[in-house]
């Protein structure tokens, strides 16, 4: 079984065809998916999706694009909302200096609130990082020194230094359809440098569809294409890659392992 560790099922094209999305995912061998929060104010939407089908988990958090809209999200609020039975993580939150849709100081403040919530709740943090490698590394290093928390660098597209720092801090690294693009030689080299026990796969659907679907709407079923490309990059069989990434998912997202009756080693 493959798991799409990061998608947005509430977005147009997915939420209005959820039965079809789930059926196509199942046919592709994708048995679980996590619909990721971008606004804390939409928590009921994510909960409803996760409550509708046991194959769906959810998170709670504020995307850095939306930090200016939700600048005062408090850790205790996130912790309280994350108690929902199907909520398995905090986020996504982080820094995005490519679009800069929210002031950078606000992004950082909101990000640190999410780190505090991850630390307090014991749930992993889903991190968004784009064009902010130095500040991201500095914040993660400083915050980890104040108390351990688990996290994943989702849809990794940053440089090798952030990947190394993340691994050294004990984080996981998730690869999306970007790893299948012809221009992504550096990213594939980074993937080879990440310990296999720290790798996850995702779609970030409806964005970043892998080859040969590039330029079209993405969906959880297509994580199988990303996984196949990543397996080739790492010199693994597709089955071995699926087993590894699924075990990694359950080790990181421990609440999902409890819900699915999976052991602490990530094995069923």
Protein backbone atom coordinates (compact mmCIF):
# COMPACT_ATOMS: atom_id res chain seq x y z
CA UNK A 1 0.00 0.00 0.00
CA UNK A 2 1.09 3.54 -0.78
CA UNK A 3 0.08 6.57 1.27
CA UNK A 4 -0.34 10.07 -0.11
CA UNK A 5 1.03 11.98 2.88
CA UNK A 6 -0.07 15.40 1.64
CA UNK A 7 -3.01 16.47 -0.52
CA UNK A 8 -5.82 19.03 -0.45
CA UNK A 9 -9.10 17.18 -0.89
CA UNK A 10 -11.12 20.31 -0.17
CA UNK A 11 -9.85 22.03 -3.30
CA UNK A 12 -11.96 22.20 -6.50
CA UNK A 13 -11.69 19.11 -8.65
CA UNK A 14 -11.08 16.85 -5.68
CA UNK A 15 -13.70 17.64 -3.07
CA UNK A 16 -16.48 17.68 -5.67
CA UNK A 17 -15.43 14.24 -6.98
CA UNK A 18 -14.35 12.55 -3.77
CA UNK A 19 -15.87 9.16 -4.58
CA UNK A 20 -14.05 9.12 -7.90
CA UNK A 21 -10.81 10.29 -6.30
CA UNK A 22 -10.98 7.52 -3.72
CA UNK A 23 -11.84 4.87 -6.29
CA UNK A 24 -8.94 5.84 -8.55
CA UNK A 25 -6.57 5.96 -5.58
CA UNK A 26 -7.60 2.47 -4.51
CA UNK A 27 -7.12 1.15 -8.03
CA UNK A 28 -3.59 2.62 -8.02
CA UNK A 29 -2.72 0.97 -4.71
CA UNK A 30 -3.02 4.16 -2.64
CA UNK A 31 -4.79 3.16 0.54
CA UNK A 32 -4.54 6.26 2.74
CA UNK A 33 -4.23 10.00 2.25
CA UNK A 34 -3.90 13.08 4.43
CA UNK A 35 -5.94 16.16 3.56
CA UNK A 36 -3.92 19.13 4.74
CA UNK A 37 -5.18 22.25 6.47
CA UNK A 38 -4.36 25.66 5.03
CA UNK A 39 -6.71 27.70 7.26
CA UNK A 40 -7.49 26.95 10.90
CA UNK A 41 -10.84 28.62 10.30
CA UNK A 42 -11.75 25.80 7.88
CA UNK A 43 -11.12 23.02 10.40
CA UNK A 44 -14.68 21.71 10.09
CA UNK A 45 -14.17 21.16 6.36
CA UNK A 46 -11.09 18.98 6.92
CA UNK A 47 -12.77 17.10 9.75
CA UNK A 48 -15.80 16.35 7.60
CA UNK A 49 -13.60 14.89 4.86
CA UNK A 50 -11.74 12.69 7.34
CA UNK A 51 -14.96 11.57 9.01
CA UNK A 52 -16.47 10.61 5.67
CA UNK A 53 -14.00 7.83 4.88
CA UNK A 54 -11.51 5.84 6.97
CA UNK A 55 -8.91 6.21 4.21
CA UNK A 56 -8.64 9.94 4.91
CA UNK A 57 -6.81 11.66 7.78
CA UNK A 58 -6.63 15.42 8.37
CA UNK A 59 -4.47 18.10 9.98
CA UNK A 60 -5.00 21.55 11.47
CA UNK A 61 -2.90 24.60 10.69
CA UNK A 62 -2.32 27.83 8.78
CA UNK A 63 -0.36 27.88 5.52
CA UNK A 64 2.28 30.65 5.37
CA UNK A 65 0.37 32.22 2.47
CA UNK A 66 -2.51 32.73 4.92
CA UNK A 67 -0.50 33.80 7.96
CA UNK A 68 -1.59 37.43 7.56
CA UNK A 69 -5.22 36.30 7.53
CA UNK A 70 -4.76 34.21 10.68
CA UNK A 71 -1.87 36.03 12.41
CA UNK A 72 -2.90 35.27 15.96
CA UNK A 73 -3.27 31.49 15.90
CA UNK A 74 -2.32 30.31 19.37
CA UNK A 75 -0.60 27.01 20.18
CA UNK A 76 -3.28 26.07 22.70
CA UNK A 77 -5.97 26.51 20.03
CA UNK A 78 -4.13 24.23 17.65
CA UNK A 79 -3.57 21.63 20.37
CA UNK A 80 -7.23 21.67 21.31
CA UNK A 81 -8.42 21.33 17.69
CA UNK A 82 -5.91 18.56 17.06
CA UNK A 83 -7.63 16.37 19.64
CA UNK A 84 -10.15 15.40 16.98
CA UNK A 85 -9.85 11.62 16.45
CA UNK A 86 -8.96 11.89 12.75
CA UNK A 87 -6.49 14.78 13.08
CA UNK A 88 -2.98 13.36 12.95
CA UNK A 89 -0.71 16.40 12.57
CA UNK A 90 -0.21 20.14 12.96
CA UNK A 91 0.16 22.26 9.82
CA UNK A 92 0.95 22.92 7.16
CA UNK A 93 2.91 25.91 8.37
CA UNK A 94 6.27 27.41 7.55
CA UNK A 95 7.96 30.03 5.40
CA UNK A 96 7.36 30.95 1.76
CA UNK A 97 9.63 33.69 0.44
CA UNK A 98 8.86 32.89 -3.19
CA UNK A 99 5.37 34.38 -3.19
CA UNK A 100 5.64 36.42 0.04
CA UNK A 101 1.88 36.52 0.36
CA UNK A 102 2.22 37.29 4.07
CA UNK A 103 4.86 39.48 5.75
CA UNK A 104 7.89 37.42 6.69
CA UNK A 105 7.79 38.35 10.36
CA UNK A 106 4.15 37.23 10.52
CA UNK A 107 5.00 33.98 8.76
CA UNK A 108 7.72 33.33 11.33
CA UNK A 109 5.49 34.12 14.30
CA UNK A 110 2.73 31.83 13.04
CA UNK A 111 5.27 29.11 12.21
CA UNK A 112 6.73 29.20 15.71
CA UNK A 113 3.22 28.92 17.18
CA UNK A 114 2.72 25.74 15.15
CA UNK A 115 6.06 24.36 16.35
CA UNK A 116 4.96 24.97 19.93
CA UNK A 117 1.68 23.18 19.23
CA UNK A 118 3.50 20.19 17.72
CA UNK A 119 5.79 20.02 20.73
CA UNK A 120 2.90 20.23 23.21
CA UNK A 121 0.53 17.87 21.40
CA UNK A 122 3.12 15.27 20.45
CA UNK A 123 1.81 15.34 16.89
CA UNK A 124 4.20 15.90 13.98
CA UNK A 125 4.44 19.23 12.18
CA UNK A 126 3.94 19.46 8.41
CA UNK A 127 6.41 22.09 7.20
CA UNK A 128 6.13 24.24 4.08
CA UNK A 129 9.47 25.72 3.02
CA UNK A 130 10.11 27.61 -0.20
CA UNK A 131 13.03 29.93 -0.96
CA UNK A 132 13.66 30.31 2.77
CA UNK A 133 16.37 27.73 3.42
CA UNK A 134 18.61 29.79 5.72
CA UNK A 135 15.82 31.14 7.92
CA UNK A 136 14.10 27.75 8.00
CA UNK A 137 17.29 26.02 9.12
CA UNK A 138 17.94 28.66 11.79
CA UNK A 139 14.40 28.49 13.20
CA UNK A 140 14.26 24.70 13.23
CA UNK A 141 17.65 24.44 14.91
CA UNK A 142 16.76 27.03 17.54
CA UNK A 143 13.34 25.55 18.24
CA UNK A 144 14.62 21.99 18.42
CA UNK A 145 17.08 23.18 21.07
CA UNK A 146 14.10 24.32 23.16
CA UNK A 147 12.39 20.93 23.04
CA UNK A 148 12.04 18.00 20.67
CA UNK A 149 9.23 17.85 18.08
CA UNK A 150 8.64 15.61 15.06
CA UNK A 151 8.18 17.07 11.58
CA UNK A 152 8.30 16.51 7.84
CA UNK A 153 9.66 18.87 5.21
CA UNK A 154 6.81 18.43 2.76
CA UNK A 155 7.05 18.67 -1.04
CA UNK A 156 10.78 19.11 -0.75
CA UNK A 157 12.19 21.47 -3.39
CA UNK A 158 14.85 23.26 -1.38
CA UNK A 159 18.60 22.85 -1.48
CA UNK A 160 20.83 20.08 -0.11
CA UNK A 161 21.82 22.11 2.95
CA UNK A 162 18.25 22.23 4.27
CA UNK A 163 17.82 18.52 3.55
CA UNK A 164 20.98 17.75 5.54
CA UNK A 165 19.90 20.00 8.39
CA UNK A 166 16.47 18.40 8.47
CA UNK A 167 17.90 14.90 8.60
CA UNK A 168 20.37 15.90 11.33
CA UNK A 169 17.46 17.28 13.36
CA UNK A 170 15.57 14.02 12.95
CA UNK A 171 12.99 15.26 10.45
CA UNK A 172 11.44 13.38 7.55
CA UNK A 173 11.59 14.55 3.94
CA UNK A 174 8.65 14.11 1.56
CA UNK A 175 8.94 14.08 -2.22
CA UNK A 176 6.20 15.08 -4.65
CA UNK A 177 5.77 14.91 -8.42
CA UNK A 178 8.61 17.42 -8.79
CA UNK A 179 11.04 14.53 -8.40
CA UNK A 180 9.76 13.10 -11.71
CA UNK A 181 10.47 16.25 -13.75
CA UNK A 182 13.31 16.08 -16.28
CA UNK A 183 14.84 19.24 -14.80
CA UNK A 184 14.99 17.81 -11.26
CA UNK A 185 18.41 16.14 -11.30
CA UNK A 186 19.51 18.03 -8.17
CA UNK A 187 16.36 17.00 -6.32
CA UNK A 188 16.90 13.36 -7.26
CA UNK A 189 20.46 13.64 -5.95
CA UNK A 190 19.07 15.02 -2.69
CA UNK A 191 16.61 12.12 -2.50
CA UNK A 192 19.51 9.68 -2.79
CA UNK A 193 21.21 11.43 0.14
CA UNK A 194 18.23 11.12 2.51
CA UNK A 195 18.17 7.97 4.66
CA UNK A 196 15.49 5.65 3.34
CA UNK A 197 13.88 5.46 6.76
CA UNK A 198 13.14 9.21 6.56
CA UNK A 199 11.49 9.39 3.12
CA UNK A 200 7.80 9.95 2.41
CA UNK A 201 5.85 10.42 -0.82
CA UNK A 202 3.00 12.79 -1.59
CA UNK A 203 1.09 14.52 -4.36
CA UNK A 204 0.32 18.00 -2.93
CA UNK A 205 -2.75 17.54 -5.12
CA UNK A 206 -4.24 19.25 -7.00
CA UNK A 207 -0.80 20.75 -7.73
CA UNK A 208 2.43 19.36 -9.19
CA UNK A 209 1.18 16.35 -11.11
CA UNK A 210 4.06 13.99 -11.95
CA UNK A 211 5.21 13.00 -15.39
CA UNK A 212 3.45 12.08 -17.63
CA UNK A 213 0.51 14.04 -16.13
CA UNK A 214 2.49 17.24 -15.66
CA UNK A 215 0.41 20.36 -16.26
CA UNK A 216 -2.85 18.59 -15.45
CA UNK A 217 -4.72 18.48 -12.14
CA UNK A 218 -3.07 16.14 -9.66
CA UNK A 219 -4.83 13.62 -7.43
CA UNK A 220 -3.85 11.00 -4.81
CA UNK A 221 -3.78 8.12 -7.32
CA UNK A 222 -0.82 9.78 -9.02
CA UNK A 223 1.41 9.31 -5.98
CA UNK A 224 2.02 5.88 -7.50
CA UNK A 225 3.81 7.58 -10.41
CA UNK A 226 5.95 9.62 -8.06
CA UNK A 227 6.75 6.51 -6.03
CA UNK A 228 7.75 4.60 -9.17
CA UNK A 229 10.12 7.38 -10.22
CA UNK A 230 11.56 7.67 -6.72
CA UNK A 231 12.08 3.91 -6.54
CA UNK A 232 14.08 4.04 -9.76
CA UNK A 233 16.10 6.97 -8.43
CA UNK A 234 16.94 5.06 -5.25
CA UNK A 235 17.58 1.74 -6.97
CA UNK A 236 14.67 0.07 -5.18
CA UNK A 237 11.79 -2.03 -6.40
CA UNK A 238 8.39 -0.33 -6.39
CA UNK A 239 7.14 -2.73 -3.74
CA UNK A 240 10.13 -2.04 -1.50
CA UNK A 241 9.65 1.71 -1.88
CA UNK A 242 5.96 1.39 -1.04
CA UNK A 243 6.69 -0.70 2.03
CA UNK A 244 9.40 1.68 3.23
CA UNK A 245 7.44 4.90 2.78
CA UNK A 246 4.31 3.43 4.34
CA UNK A 247 6.26 2.21 7.37
CA UNK A 248 7.89 5.64 7.61
CA UNK A 249 4.49 7.32 7.45
CA UNK A 250 3.15 5.33 10.37
CA UNK A 251 6.31 5.90 12.44
CA UNK A 252 5.99 9.65 11.98
CA UNK A 253 2.21 9.98 12.14
CA UNK A 254 1.81 7.79 15.21
CA UNK A 255 -1.83 8.69 15.74
CA UNK A 256 -2.68 7.22 12.34
CA UNK A 257 -0.85 4.04 13.31
CA UNK A 258 -3.07 3.70 16.37
CA UNK A 259 -6.18 4.33 14.28
CA UNK A 260 -5.12 1.72 11.73
CA UNK A 261 -3.83 -0.81 14.25
CA UNK A 262 -0.24 -0.60 13.02
CA UNK A 263 2.72 -1.35 15.29
CA UNK A 264 5.31 1.20 16.45
CA UNK A 265 7.72 -0.09 13.82
CA UNK A 266 5.28 0.96 11.12
CA UNK A 267 4.41 -2.62 10.24
CA UNK A 268 0.86 -3.97 10.22
